[in-house]
Amino acid sequence: MISAVAEMYGIHPQTLRLYEREGLLKPSRTEGNTRLYTDEDLQRLEFILNLARDLGVNISGMAIILQMRERMEEMQRQIQDFVKYIQEEVLSRANAAADPSRGAIVPIRRPFPPVPTVRKK
């Protein structure tokens, strides 16, 4: 709840409401409209408070930093997915290399045994 979180972090509940209004925090709500903060919300709040208290970043700056952080996390996920794809592809091709008839770009045909030539006399 907002009062417990405000007390835990030594801030005024209005500060939490401001962060929510500005889109920096998005706590879930109960049916009675009480704010509920998840562990993820609290980690985000700690990051926001670090920006404000230790670095003197204003709300606009916080919004930009948080957006950049989210984009970086998304790019990291995409890179991890790409690396996983590459690893699977390399493994697949390595397995295909063990059997040249599998995975070849051009199908490999087994050579036919030489046809005996018939000589005329």
PDB file of N, CA and C in Angstrom:
ATOM      1  N   MET A   1       0.844  -1.183   0.000  1.00  0.00           N
ATOM      2  CA  MET A   1       0.000   0.000   0.000  1.00  0.00           C
ATOM      3  C   MET A   1       0.889   1.245   0.000  1.00  0.00           C
ATOM      4  N   ILE A   2       0.303   2.338  -0.453  1.00  0.00           N
ATOM      5  CA  ILE A   2       1.079   3.558  -0.643  1.00  0.00           C
ATOM      6  C   ILE A   2       1.686   4.083   0.659  1.00  0.00           C
ATOM      7  N   SER A   3       0.939   4.011   1.745  1.00  0.00           N
ATOM      8  CA  SER A   3       1.469   4.546   3.009  1.00  0.00           C
ATOM      9  C   SER A   3       2.642   3.711   3.515  1.00  0.00           C
ATOM     10  N   ALA A   4       2.554   2.401   3.365  1.00  0.00           N
ATOM     11  CA  ALA A   4       3.635   1.523   3.813  1.00  0.00           C
ATOM     12  C   ALA A   4       4.889   1.736   2.966  1.00  0.00           C
ATOM     13  N   VAL A   5       4.705   1.881   1.668  1.00  0.00           N
ATOM     14  CA  VAL A   5       5.844   2.091   0.768  1.00  0.00           C
ATOM     15  C   VAL A   5       6.480   3.452   1.041  1.00  0.00           C
ATOM     16  N   ALA A   6       5.647   4.476   1.223  1.00  0.00           N
ATOM     17  CA  ALA A   6       6.164   5.815   1.501  1.00  0.00           C
ATOM     18  C   ALA A   6       6.983   5.823   2.790  1.00  0.00           C
ATOM     19  N   GLU A   7       6.478   5.154   3.784  1.00  0.00           N
ATOM     20  CA  GLU A   7       7.197   5.102   5.064  1.00  0.00           C
ATOM     21  C   GLU A   7       8.497   4.301   4.921  1.00  0.00           C
ATOM     22  N   MET A   8       8.439   3.197   4.203  1.00  0.00           N
ATOM     23  CA  MET A   8       9.603   2.337   4.022  1.00  0.00           C
ATOM     24  C   MET A   8      10.764   3.087   3.351  1.00  0.00           C
ATOM     25  N   TYR A   9      10.430   3.966   2.414  1.00  0.00           N
ATOM     26  CA  TYR A   9      11.466   4.680   1.659  1.00  0.00           C
ATOM     27  C   TYR A   9      11.676   6.122   2.120  1.00  0.00           C
ATOM     28  N   GLY A  10      10.955   6.525   3.150  1.00  0.00           N
ATOM     29  CA  GLY A  10      11.135   7.872   3.688  1.00  0.00           C
ATOM     30  C   GLY A  10      10.734   8.971   2.729  1.00  0.00           C
ATOM     31  N   ILE A  11       9.646   8.741   2.008  1.00  0.00           N
ATOM     32  CA  ILE A  11       9.133   9.761   1.086  1.00  0.00           C
ATOM     33  C   ILE A  11       7.664  10.016   1.393  1.00  0.00           C
ATOM     34  N   HIS A  12       7.147  11.105   0.876  1.00  0.00           N
ATOM     35  CA  HIS A  12       5.746  11.457   1.090  1.00  0.00           C
ATOM     36  C   HIS A  12       4.883  10.670   0.098  1.00  0.00           C
ATOM     37  N   PRO A  13       3.694  10.236   0.512  1.00  0.00           N
ATOM     38  CA  PRO A  13       2.803   9.526  -0.412  1.00  0.00           C
ATOM     39  C   PRO A  13       2.507  10.335  -1.679  1.00  0.00           C
ATOM     40  N   GLN A  14       2.508  11.669  -1.568  1.00  0.00           N
ATOM     41  CA  GLN A  14       2.263  12.494  -2.759  1.00  0.00           C
ATOM     42  C   GLN A  14       3.368  12.293  -3.802  1.00  0.00           C
ATOM     43  N   THR A  15       4.572  12.013  -3.330  1.00  0.00           N
ATOM     44  CA  THR A  15       5.679  11.759  -4.262  1.00  0.00           C
ATOM     45  C   THR A  15       5.389  10.495  -5.067  1.00  0.00           C
ATOM     46  N   LEU A  16       4.892   9.477  -4.407  1.00  0.00           N
ATOM     47  CA  LEU A  16       4.523   8.245  -5.114  1.00  0.00           C
ATOM     48  C   LEU A  16       3.388   8.502  -6.100  1.00  0.00           C
ATOM     49  N   ARG A  17       2.422   9.306  -5.680  1.00  0.00           N
ATOM     50  CA  ARG A  17       1.309   9.646  -6.582  1.00  0.00           C
ATOM     51  C   ARG A  17       1.823  10.418  -7.802  1.00  0.00           C
ATOM     52  N   LEU A  18       2.784  11.324  -7.580  1.00  0.00           N
ATOM     53  CA  LEU A  18       3.374  12.084  -8.675  1.00  0.00           C
ATOM     54  C   LEU A  18       4.095  11.144  -9.643  1.00  0.00           C
ATOM     55  N   TYR A  19       4.889  10.229  -9.113  1.00  0.00           N
ATOM     56  CA  TYR A  19       5.602   9.274  -9.971  1.00  0.00           C
ATOM     57  C   TYR A  19       4.613   8.437 -10.777  1.00  0.00           C
ATOM     58  N   GLU A  20       3.494   8.092 -10.154  1.00  0.00           N
ATOM     59  CA  GLU A  20       2.477   7.328 -10.878  1.00  0.00           C
ATOM     60  C   GLU A  20       1.820   8.193 -11.959  1.00  0.00           C
ATOM     61  N   ARG A  21       1.481   9.426 -11.617  1.00  0.00           N
ATOM     62  CA  ARG A  21       0.849  10.337 -12.571  1.00  0.00           C
ATOM     63  C   ARG A  21       1.756  10.573 -13.784  1.00  0.00           C
ATOM     64  N   GLU A  22       3.058  10.646 -13.535  1.00  0.00           N
ATOM     65  CA  GLU A  22       4.022  10.885 -14.612  1.00  0.00           C
ATOM     66  C   GLU A  22       4.363   9.615 -15.389  1.00  0.00           C
ATOM     67  N   GLY A  23       3.805   8.486 -14.956  1.00  0.00           N
ATOM     68  CA  GLY A  23       4.025   7.228 -15.670  1.00  0.00           C
ATOM     69  C   GLY A  23       5.307   6.515 -15.295  1.00  0.00           C
ATOM     70  N   LEU A  24       5.960   6.958 -14.234  1.00  0.00           N
ATOM     71  CA  LEU A  24       7.206   6.325 -13.815  1.00  0.00           C
ATOM     72  C   LEU A  24       6.951   5.030 -13.051  1.00  0.00           C
ATOM     73  N   LEU A  25       5.850   4.986 -12.327  1.00  0.00           N
ATOM     74  CA  LEU A  25       5.432   3.800 -11.582  1.00  0.00           C
ATOM     75  C   LEU A  25       4.028   3.417 -12.006  1.00  0.00           C
ATOM     76  N   LYS A  26       3.757   2.109 -12.021  1.00  0.00           N
ATOM     77  CA  LYS A  26       2.423   1.642 -12.394  1.00  0.00           C
ATOM     78  C   LYS A  26       1.994   0.527 -11.451  1.00  0.00           C
ATOM     79  N   PRO A  27       1.683   0.877 -10.195  1.00  0.00           N
ATOM     80  CA  PRO A  27       1.260  -0.174  -9.264  1.00  0.00           C
ATOM     81  C   PRO A  27      -0.103  -0.727  -9.657  1.00  0.00           C
ATOM     82  N   SER A  28      -0.329  -1.984  -9.296  1.00  0.00           N
ATOM     83  CA  SER A  28      -1.650  -2.564  -9.556  1.00  0.00           C
ATOM     84  C   SER A  28      -2.629  -2.008  -8.529  1.00  0.00           C
ATOM     85  N   ARG A  29      -3.911  -2.285  -8.743  1.00  0.00           N
ATOM     86  CA  ARG A  29      -4.955  -1.765  -7.842  1.00  0.00           C
ATOM     87  C   ARG A  29      -5.881  -2.890  -7.423  1.00  0.00           C
ATOM     88  N   THR A  30      -6.406  -2.750  -6.207  1.00  0.00           N
ATOM     89  CA  THR A  30      -7.426  -3.689  -5.734  1.00  0.00           C
ATOM     90  C   THR A  30      -8.776  -3.215  -6.253  1.00  0.00           C
ATOM     91  N   GLU A  31      -9.807  -3.988  -5.982  1.00  0.00           N
ATOM     92  CA  GLU A  31     -11.154  -3.571  -6.376  1.00  0.00           C
ATOM     93  C   GLU A  31     -11.545  -2.286  -5.665  1.00  0.00           C
ATOM     94  N   GLY A  32     -11.013  -2.065  -4.479  1.00  0.00           N
ATOM     95  CA  GLY A  32     -11.288  -0.847  -3.725  1.00  0.00           C
ATOM     96  C   GLY A  32     -10.375   0.299  -4.137  1.00  0.00           C
ATOM     97  N   ASN A  33      -9.591   0.102  -5.195  1.00  0.00           N
ATOM     98  CA  ASN A  33      -8.705   1.121  -5.772  1.00  0.00           C
ATOM     99  C   ASN A  33      -7.467   1.414  -4.913  1.00  0.00           C
ATOM    100  N   THR A  34      -7.112   0.490  -4.034  1.00  0.00           N
ATOM    101  CA  THR A  34      -5.900   0.645  -3.229  1.00  0.00           C
ATOM    102  C   THR A  34      -4.700   0.230  -4.068  1.00  0.00           C
ATOM    103  N   ARG A  35      -3.642   1.013  -4.010  1.00  0.00           N
ATOM    104  CA  ARG A  35      -2.433   0.695  -4.768  1.00  0.00           C
ATOM    105  C   ARG A  35      -1.704  -0.467  -4.102  1.00  0.00           C
ATOM    106  N   LEU A  36      -1.257  -1.389  -4.937  1.00  0.00           N
ATOM    107  CA  LEU A  36      -0.458  -2.507  -4.462  1.00  0.00           C
ATOM    108  C   LEU A  36       0.853  -2.516  -5.244  1.00  0.00           C
ATOM    109  N   TYR A  37       1.956  -2.493  -4.518  1.00  0.00           N
ATOM    110  CA  TYR A  37       3.278  -2.431  -5.143  1.00  0.00           C
ATOM    111  C   TYR A  37       3.922  -3.814  -5.131  1.00  0.00           C
ATOM    112  N   THR A  38       4.354  -4.276  -6.285  1.00  0.00           N
ATOM    113  CA  THR A  38       5.040  -5.559  -6.397  1.00  0.00           C
ATOM    114  C   THR A  38       6.526  -5.359  -6.098  1.00  0.00           C
ATOM    115  N   ASP A  39       7.248  -6.454  -5.991  1.00  0.00           N
ATOM    116  CA  ASP A  39       8.696  -6.375  -5.798  1.00  0.00           C
ATOM    117  C   ASP A  39       9.341  -5.629  -6.970  1.00  0.00           C
ATOM    118  N   GLU A  40       8.823  -5.871  -8.167  1.00  0.00           N
ATOM    119  CA  GLU A  40       9.341  -5.178  -9.356  1.00  0.00           C
ATOM    120  C   GLU A  40       9.084  -3.673  -9.260  1.00  0.00           C
ATOM    121  N   ASP A  41       7.905  -3.299  -8.771  1.00  0.00           N
ATOM    122  CA  ASP A  41       7.595  -1.872  -8.572  1.00  0.00           C
ATOM    123  C   ASP A  41       8.563  -1.246  -7.572  1.00  0.00           C
ATOM    124  N   LEU A  42       8.868  -1.983  -6.511  1.00  0.00           N
ATOM    125  CA  LEU A  42       9.766  -1.460  -5.489  1.00  0.00           C
ATOM    126  C   LEU A  42      11.195  -1.326  -6.007  1.00  0.00           C
ATOM    127  N   GLN A  43      11.627  -2.271  -6.834  1.00  0.00           N
ATOM    128  CA  GLN A  43      12.956  -2.149  -7.439  1.00  0.00           C
ATOM    129  C   GLN A  43      13.019  -0.928  -8.351  1.00  0.00           C
ATOM    130  N   ARG A  44      11.959  -0.734  -9.108  1.00  0.00           N
ATOM    131  CA  ARG A  44      11.891   0.432  -9.991  1.00  0.00           C
ATOM    132  C   ARG A  44      11.899   1.725  -9.175  1.00  0.00           C
ATOM    133  N   LEU A  45      11.148   1.732  -8.054  1.00  0.00           N
ATOM    134  CA  LEU A  45      11.120   2.898  -7.181  1.00  0.00           C
ATOM    135  C   LEU A  45      12.506   3.179  -6.612  1.00  0.00           C
ATOM    136  N   GLU A  46      13.209   2.145  -6.197  1.00  0.00           N
ATOM    137  CA  GLU A  46      14.567   2.337  -5.676  1.00  0.00           C
ATOM    138  C   GLU A  46      15.464   2.958  -6.729  1.00  0.00           C
ATOM    139  N   PHE A  47      15.323   2.512  -7.975  1.00  0.00           N
ATOM    140  CA  PHE A  47      16.107   3.080  -9.066  1.00  0.00           C
ATOM    141  C   PHE A  47      15.743   4.557  -9.263  1.00  0.00           C
ATOM    142  N   ILE A  48      14.456   4.866  -9.234  1.00  0.00           N
ATOM    143  CA  ILE A  48      13.978   6.248  -9.391  1.00  0.00           C
ATOM    144  C   ILE A  48      14.523   7.123  -8.258  1.00  0.00           C
ATOM    145  N   LEU A  49      14.440   6.618  -7.038  1.00  0.00           N
ATOM    146  CA  LEU A  49      14.935   7.394  -5.902  1.00  0.00           C
ATOM    147  C   LEU A  49      16.445   7.600  -5.977  1.00  0.00           C
ATOM    148  N   ASN A  50      17.155   6.614  -6.481  1.00  0.00           N
ATOM    149  CA  ASN A  50      18.593   6.759  -6.680  1.00  0.00           C
ATOM    150  C   ASN A  50      18.869   7.874  -7.693  1.00  0.00           C
ATOM    151  N   LEU A  51      18.096   7.886  -8.777  1.00  0.00           N
ATOM    152  CA  LEU A  51      18.268   8.947  -9.782  1.00  0.00           C
ATOM    153  C   LEU A  51      17.999  10.320  -9.162  1.00  0.00           C
ATOM    154  N   ALA A  52      16.932  10.408  -8.376  1.00  0.00           N
ATOM    155  CA  ALA A  52      16.542  11.695  -7.799  1.00  0.00           C
ATOM    156  C   ALA A  52      17.489  12.131  -6.684  1.00  0.00           C
ATOM    157  N   ARG A  53      17.744  11.255  -5.739  1.00  0.00           N
ATOM    158  CA  ARG A  53      18.517  11.629  -4.550  1.00  0.00           C
ATOM    159  C   ARG A  53      20.020  11.714  -4.816  1.00  0.00           C
ATOM    160  N   ASP A  54      20.549  10.712  -5.454  1.00  0.00           N
ATOM    161  CA  ASP A  54      22.003  10.632  -5.609  1.00  0.00           C
ATOM    162  C   ASP A  54      22.517  11.370  -6.837  1.00  0.00           C
ATOM    163  N   LEU A  55      21.699  11.410  -7.882  1.00  0.00           N
ATOM    164  CA  LEU A  55      22.168  12.007  -9.128  1.00  0.00           C
ATOM    165  C   LEU A  55      21.482  13.324  -9.476  1.00  0.00           C
ATOM    166  N   GLY A  56      20.437  13.676  -8.734  1.00  0.00           N
ATOM    167  CA  GLY A  56      19.758  14.945  -8.965  1.00  0.00           C
ATOM    168  C   GLY A  56      18.992  15.026 -10.272  1.00  0.00           C
ATOM    169  N   VAL A  57      18.536  13.893 -10.761  1.00  0.00           N
ATOM    170  CA  VAL A  57      17.798  13.854 -12.032  1.00  0.00           C
ATOM    171  C   VAL A  57      16.353  14.287 -11.792  1.00  0.00           C
ATOM    172  N   ASN A  58      15.841  15.138 -12.693  1.00  0.00           N
ATOM    173  CA  ASN A  58      14.448  15.568 -12.552  1.00  0.00           C
ATOM    174  C   ASN A  58      13.510  14.526 -13.181  1.00  0.00           C
ATOM    175  N   ILE A  59      12.212  14.753 -13.065  1.00  0.00           N
ATOM    176  CA  ILE A  59      11.223  13.766 -13.510  1.00  0.00           C
ATOM    177  C   ILE A  59      11.313  13.511 -15.016  1.00  0.00           C
ATOM    178  N   SER A  60      11.518  14.550 -15.802  1.00  0.00           N
ATOM    179  CA  SER A  60      11.651  14.360 -17.250  1.00  0.00           C
ATOM    180  C   SER A  60      12.863  13.501 -17.570  1.00  0.00           C
ATOM    181  N   GLY A  61      13.956  13.760 -16.885  1.00  0.00           N
ATOM    182  CA  GLY A  61      15.160  12.963 -17.078  1.00  0.00           C
ATOM    183  C   GLY A  61      14.952  11.515 -16.670  1.00  0.00           C
ATOM    184  N   MET A  62      14.222  11.323 -15.569  1.00  0.00           N
ATOM    185  CA  MET A  62      13.931   9.967 -15.112  1.00  0.00           C
ATOM    186  C   MET A  62      13.151   9.201 -16.174  1.00  0.00           C
ATOM    187  N   ALA A  63      12.155   9.872 -16.753  1.00  0.00           N
ATOM    188  CA  ALA A  63      11.334   9.217 -17.778  1.00  0.00           C
ATOM    189  C   ALA A  63      12.199   8.775 -18.955  1.00  0.00           C
ATOM    190  N   ILE A  64      13.100   9.641 -19.382  1.00  0.00           N
ATOM    191  CA  ILE A  64      13.976   9.310 -20.511  1.00  0.00           C
ATOM    192  C   ILE A  64      14.896   8.152 -20.145  1.00  0.00           C
ATOM    193  N   ILE A  65      15.486   8.208 -18.958  1.00  0.00           N
ATOM    194  CA  ILE A  65      16.405   7.152 -18.515  1.00  0.00           C
ATOM    195  C   ILE A  65      15.670   5.818 -18.403  1.00  0.00           C
ATOM    196  N   LEU A  66      14.462   5.841 -17.848  1.00  0.00           N
ATOM    197  CA  LEU A  66      13.696   4.604 -17.711  1.00  0.00           C
ATOM    198  C   LEU A  66      13.320   4.028 -19.074  1.00  0.00           C
ATOM    199  N   GLN A  67      12.957   4.888 -20.028  1.00  0.00           N
ATOM    200  CA  GLN A  67      12.648   4.412 -21.386  1.00  0.00           C
ATOM    201  C   GLN A  67      13.877   3.783 -22.029  1.00  0.00           C
ATOM    202  N   MET A  68      15.029   4.445 -21.885  1.00  0.00           N
ATOM    203  CA  MET A  68      16.265   3.918 -22.450  1.00  0.00           C
ATOM    204  C   MET A  68      16.619   2.577 -21.803  1.00  0.00           C
ATOM    205  N   ARG A  69      16.401   2.487 -20.510  1.00  0.00           N
ATOM    206  CA  ARG A  69      16.693   1.241 -19.797  1.00  0.00           C
ATOM    207  C   ARG A  69      15.801   0.110 -20.307  1.00  0.00           C
ATOM    208  N   GLU A  70      14.512   0.398 -20.520  1.00  0.00           N
ATOM    209  CA  GLU A  70      13.590  -0.614 -21.033  1.00  0.00           C
ATOM    210  C   GLU A  70      13.991  -1.040 -22.443  1.00  0.00           C
ATOM    211  N   ARG A  71      14.391  -0.093 -23.275  1.00  0.00           N
ATOM    212  CA  ARG A  71      14.837  -0.430 -24.638  1.00  0.00           C
ATOM    213  C   ARG A  71      16.087  -1.295 -24.605  1.00  0.00           C
ATOM    214  N   MET A  72      17.023  -0.960 -23.715  1.00  0.00           N
ATOM    215  CA  MET A  72      18.248  -1.752 -23.599  1.00  0.00           C
ATOM    216  C   MET A  72      17.933  -3.179 -23.149  1.00  0.00           C
ATOM    217  N   GLU A  73      17.010  -3.324 -22.208  1.00  0.00           N
ATOM    218  CA  GLU A  73      16.629  -4.655 -21.743  1.00  0.00           C
ATOM    219  C   GLU A  73      15.982  -5.451 -22.873  1.00  0.00           C
ATOM    220  N   GLU A  74      15.153  -4.783 -23.685  1.00  0.00           N
ATOM    221  CA  GLU A  74      14.526  -5.447 -24.828  1.00  0.00           C
ATOM    222  C   GLU A  74      15.590  -5.853 -25.850  1.00  0.00           C
ATOM    223  N   MET A  75      16.553  -4.979 -26.104  1.00  0.00           N
ATOM    224  CA  MET A  75      17.626  -5.319 -27.040  1.00  0.00           C
ATOM    225  C   MET A  75      18.445  -6.488 -26.510  1.00  0.00           C
ATOM    226  N   GLN A  76      18.685  -6.529 -25.203  1.00  0.00           N
ATOM    227  CA  GLN A  76      19.422  -7.657 -24.615  1.00  0.00           C
ATOM    228  C   GLN A  76      18.655  -8.958 -24.813  1.00  0.00           C
ATOM    229  N   ARG A  77      17.326  -8.909 -24.643  1.00  0.00           N
ATOM    230  CA  ARG A  77      16.508 -10.100 -24.876  1.00  0.00           C
ATOM    231  C   ARG A  77      16.601 -10.537 -26.334  1.00  0.00           C
ATOM    232  N   GLN A  78      16.553  -9.569 -27.251  1.00  0.00           N
ATOM    233  CA  GLN A  78      16.647  -9.895 -28.668  1.00  0.00           C
ATOM    234  C   GLN A  78      18.010 -10.495 -29.005  1.00  0.00           C
ATOM    235  N   ILE A  79      19.062  -9.945 -28.431  1.00  0.00           N
ATOM    236  CA  ILE A  79      20.409 -10.472 -28.674  1.00  0.00           C
ATOM    237  C   ILE A  79      20.515 -11.896 -28.127  1.00  0.00           C
ATOM    238  N   GLN A  80      19.974 -12.131 -26.939  1.00  0.00           N
ATOM    239  CA  GLN A  80      20.005 -13.479 -26.370  1.00  0.00           C
ATOM    240  C   GLN A  80      19.246 -14.459 -27.259  1.00  0.00           C
ATOM    241  N   ASP A  81      18.089 -14.042 -27.779  1.00  0.00           N
ATOM    242  CA  ASP A  81      17.327 -14.892 -28.690  1.00  0.00           C
ATOM    243  C   ASP A  81      18.123 -15.172 -29.961  1.00  0.00           C
ATOM    244  N   PHE A  82      18.804 -14.147 -30.477  1.00  0.00           N
ATOM    245  CA  PHE A  82      19.595 -14.301 -31.692  1.00  0.00           C
ATOM    246  C   PHE A  82      20.769 -15.249 -31.455  1.00  0.00           C
ATOM    247  N   VAL A  83      21.458 -15.091 -30.325  1.00  0.00           N
ATOM    248  CA  VAL A  83      22.585 -15.969 -29.995  1.00  0.00           C
ATOM    249  C   VAL A  83      22.095 -17.413 -29.870  1.00  0.00           C
ATOM    250  N   LYS A  84      20.955 -17.600 -29.238  1.00  0.00           N
ATOM    251  CA  LYS A  84      20.383 -18.943 -29.102  1.00  0.00           C
ATOM    252  C   LYS A  84      20.083 -19.530 -30.476  1.00  0.00           C
ATOM    253  N   TYR A  85      19.507 -18.715 -31.365  1.00  0.00           N
ATOM    254  CA  TYR A  85      19.212 -19.174 -32.723  1.00  0.00           C
ATOM    255  C   TYR A  85      20.498 -19.580 -33.439  1.00  0.00           C
ATOM    256  N   ILE A  86      21.530 -18.752 -33.334  1.00  0.00           N
ATOM    257  CA  ILE A  86      22.806 -19.041 -33.992  1.00  0.00           C
ATOM    258  C   ILE A  86      23.404 -20.338 -33.437  1.00  0.00           C
ATOM    259  N   GLN A  87      23.366 -20.511 -32.118  1.00  0.00           N
ATOM    260  CA  GLN A  87      23.902 -21.734 -31.517  1.00  0.00           C
ATOM    261  C   GLN A  87      23.164 -22.968 -32.033  1.00  0.00           C
ATOM    262  N   GLU A  88      21.843 -22.862 -32.099  1.00  0.00           N
ATOM    263  CA  GLU A  88      21.050 -23.990 -32.597  1.00  0.00           C
ATOM    264  C   GLU A  88      21.361 -24.269 -34.064  1.00  0.00           C
ATOM    265  N   GLU A  89      21.528 -23.202 -34.835  1.00  0.00           N
ATOM    266  CA  GLU A  89      21.832 -23.354 -36.260  1.00  0.00           C
ATOM    267  C   GLU A  89      23.207 -23.986 -36.456  1.00  0.00           C
ATOM    268  N   VAL A  90      24.200 -23.550 -35.701  1.00  0.00           N
ATOM    269  CA  VAL A  90      25.549 -24.121 -35.795  1.00  0.00           C
ATOM    270  C   VAL A  90      25.511 -25.598 -35.417  1.00  0.00           C
ATOM    271  N   LEU A  91      24.812 -25.917 -34.344  1.00  0.00           N
ATOM    272  CA  LEU A  91      24.695 -27.313 -33.917  1.00  0.00           C
ATOM    273  C   LEU A  91      24.007 -28.145 -34.985  1.00  0.00           C
ATOM    274  N   SER A  92      22.952 -27.611 -35.546  1.00  0.00           N
ATOM    275  CA  SER A  92      22.217 -28.305 -36.595  1.00  0.00           C
ATOM    276  C   SER A  92      23.111 -28.563 -37.808  1.00  0.00           C
ATOM    277  N   ARG A  93      23.880 -27.558 -38.199  1.00  0.00           N
ATOM    278  CA  ARG A  93      24.758 -27.726 -39.364  1.00  0.00           C
ATOM    279  C   ARG A  93      25.921 -28.655 -39.059  1.00  0.00           C
ATOM    280  N   ALA A  94      26.400 -28.634 -37.821  1.00  0.00           N
ATOM    281  CA  ALA A  94      27.475 -29.550 -37.441  1.00  0.00           C
ATOM    282  C   ALA A  94      26.976 -30.988 -37.511  1.00  0.00           C
ATOM    283  N   ASN A  95      25.758 -31.206 -37.051  1.00  0.00           N
ATOM    284  CA  ASN A  95      25.178 -32.546 -37.139  1.00  0.00           C
ATOM    285  C   ASN A  95      24.961 -32.943 -38.594  1.00  0.00           C
ATOM    286  N   ALA A  96      24.553 -31.998 -39.413  1.00  0.00           N
ATOM    287  CA  ALA A  96      24.345 -32.280 -40.829  1.00  0.00           C
ATOM    288  C   ALA A  96      25.671 -32.586 -41.517  1.00  0.00           C
ATOM    289  N   ALA A  97      26.744 -31.963 -41.066  1.00  0.00           N
ATOM    290  CA  ALA A  97      28.058 -32.198 -41.670  1.00  0.00           C
ATOM    291  C   ALA A  97      28.532 -33.616 -41.393  1.00  0.00           C
ATOM    292  N   ALA A  98      28.068 -34.206 -40.300  1.00  0.00           N
ATOM    293  CA  ALA A  98      28.441 -35.579 -39.989  1.00  0.00           C
ATOM    294  C   ALA A  98      27.872 -36.534 -41.029  1.00  0.00           C
ATOM    295  N   ASP A  99      26.756 -36.199 -41.608  1.00  0.00           N
ATOM    296  CA  ASP A  99      26.139 -36.985 -42.687  1.00  0.00           C
ATOM    297  C   ASP A  99      25.986 -36.052 -43.868  1.00  0.00           C
ATOM    298  N   PRO A 100      26.892 -36.120 -44.849  1.00  0.00           N
ATOM    299  CA  PRO A 100      26.888 -35.158 -45.946  1.00  0.00           C
ATOM    300  C   PRO A 100      25.593 -35.129 -46.747  1.00  0.00           C
ATOM    301  N   SER A 101      24.812 -36.203 -46.715  1.00  0.00           N
ATOM    302  CA  SER A 101      23.576 -36.180 -47.506  1.00  0.00           C
ATOM    303  C   SER A 101      22.484 -35.357 -46.840  1.00  0.00           C
ATOM    304  N   ARG A 102      22.655 -35.055 -45.546  1.00  0.00           N
ATOM    305  CA  ARG A 102      21.672 -34.233 -44.826  1.00  0.00           C
ATOM    306  C   ARG A 102      22.140 -32.802 -44.795  1.00  0.00           C
ATOM    307  N   GLY A 103      21.257 -31.905 -45.051  1.00  0.00           N
ATOM    308  CA  GLY A 103      21.542 -30.495 -44.885  1.00  0.00           C
ATOM    309  C   GLY A 103      22.409 -29.897 -45.974  1.00  0.00           C
ATOM    310  N   ALA A 104      22.677 -30.649 -47.023  1.00  0.00           N
ATOM    311  CA  ALA A 104      23.498 -30.102 -48.099  1.00  0.00           C
ATOM    312  C   ALA A 104      22.680 -29.121 -48.913  1.00  0.00           C
ATOM    313  N   ILE A 105      23.338 -28.108 -49.387  1.00  0.00           N
ATOM    314  CA  ILE A 105      22.642 -27.125 -50.228  1.00  0.00           C
ATOM    315  C   ILE A 105      22.262 -27.780 -51.545  1.00  0.00           C
ATOM    316  N   VAL A 106      23.197 -28.534 -52.107  1.00  0.00           N
ATOM    317  CA  VAL A 106      22.939 -29.291 -53.334  1.00  0.00           C
ATOM    318  C   VAL A 106      22.941 -30.754 -52.927  1.00  0.00           C
ATOM    319  N   PRO A 107      21.892 -31.481 -53.268  1.00  0.00           N
ATOM    320  CA  PRO A 107      21.855 -32.881 -52.853  1.00  0.00           C
ATOM    321  C   PRO A 107      23.070 -33.637 -53.389  1.00  0.00           C
ATOM    322  N   ILE A 108      23.611 -34.457 -52.547  1.00  0.00           N
ATOM    323  CA  ILE A 108      24.760 -35.263 -52.947  1.00  0.00           C
ATOM    324  C   ILE A 108      24.225 -36.586 -53.464  1.00  0.00           C
ATOM    325  N   ARG A 109      24.670 -36.944 -54.655  1.00  0.00           N
ATOM    326  CA  ARG A 109      24.230 -38.209 -55.236  1.00  0.00           C
ATOM    327  C   ARG A 109      25.391 -39.192 -55.172  1.00  0.00           C
ATOM    328  N   ARG A 110      25.053 -40.359 -54.832  1.00  0.00           N
ATOM    329  CA  ARG A 110      26.060 -41.403 -54.778  1.00  0.00           C
ATOM    330  C   ARG A 110      26.467 -41.759 -56.217  1.00  0.00           C
ATOM    331  N   PRO A 111      27.756 -41.859 -56.466  1.00  0.00           N
ATOM    332  CA  PRO A 111      28.163 -42.214 -57.830  1.00  0.00           C
ATOM    333  C   PRO A 111      27.733 -43.643 -58.158  1.00  0.00           C
ATOM    334  N   PHE A 112      27.345 -43.800 -59.396  1.00  0.00           N
ATOM    335  CA  PHE A 112      26.956 -45.134 -59.865  1.00  0.00           C
ATOM    336  C   PHE A 112      28.225 -45.937 -60.131  1.00  0.00           C
ATOM    337  N   PRO A 113      28.131 -47.227 -59.953  1.00  0.00           N
ATOM    338  CA  PRO A 113      29.311 -48.024 -60.284  1.00  0.00           C
ATOM    339  C   PRO A 113      29.598 -47.906 -61.783  1.00  0.00           C
ATOM    340  N   PRO A 114      30.838 -47.999 -62.166  1.00  0.00           N
ATOM    341  CA  PRO A 114      31.155 -47.838 -63.591  1.00  0.00           C
ATOM    342  C   PRO A 114      30.448 -48.903 -64.419  1.00  0.00           C
ATOM    343  N   VAL A 115      29.963 -48.456 -65.547  1.00  0.00           N
ATOM    344  CA  VAL A 115      29.277 -49.369 -66.467  1.00  0.00           C
ATOM    345  C   VAL A 115      30.352 -50.081 -67.286  1.00  0.00           C
ATOM    346  N   PRO A 116      30.303 -51.388 -67.288  1.00  0.00           N
ATOM    347  CA  PRO A 116      31.311 -52.088 -68.083  1.00  0.00           C
ATOM    348  C   PRO A 116      31.133 -51.755 -69.563  1.00  0.00           C
ATOM    349  N   THR A 117      32.202 -51.482 -70.173  1.00  0.00           N
ATOM    350  CA  THR A 117      32.149 -51.167 -71.608  1.00  0.00           C
ATOM    351  C   THR A 117      32.285 -52.441 -72.412  1.00  0.00           C
ATOM    352  N   VAL A 118      31.528 -52.477 -73.435  1.00  0.00           N
ATOM    353  CA  VAL A 118      31.565 -53.642 -74.314  1.00  0.00           C
ATOM    354  C   VAL A 118      32.384 -53.259 -75.528  1.00  0.00           C
ATOM    355  N   ARG A 119      33.378 -54.066 -75.815  1.00  0.00           N
ATOM    356  CA  ARG A 119      34.235 -53.778 -76.967  1.00  0.00           C
ATOM    357  C   ARG A 119      33.802 -54.634 -78.142  1.00  0.00           C
ATOM    358  N   LYS A 120      33.762 -53.982 -79.255  1.00  0.00           N
ATOM    359  CA  LYS A 120      33.422 -54.698 -80.470  1.00  0.00           C
ATOM    360  C   LYS A 120      34.694 -55.273 -81.074  1.00  0.00           C
ATOM    361  N   LYS A 121      34.575 -56.441 -81.656  1.00  0.00           N
ATOM    362  CA  LYS A 121      35.726 -57.086 -82.260  1.00  0.00           C
ATOM    363  C   LYS A 121      35.732 -56.928 -83.717  1.00  0.00           C
TER     364      LYS A 121
END
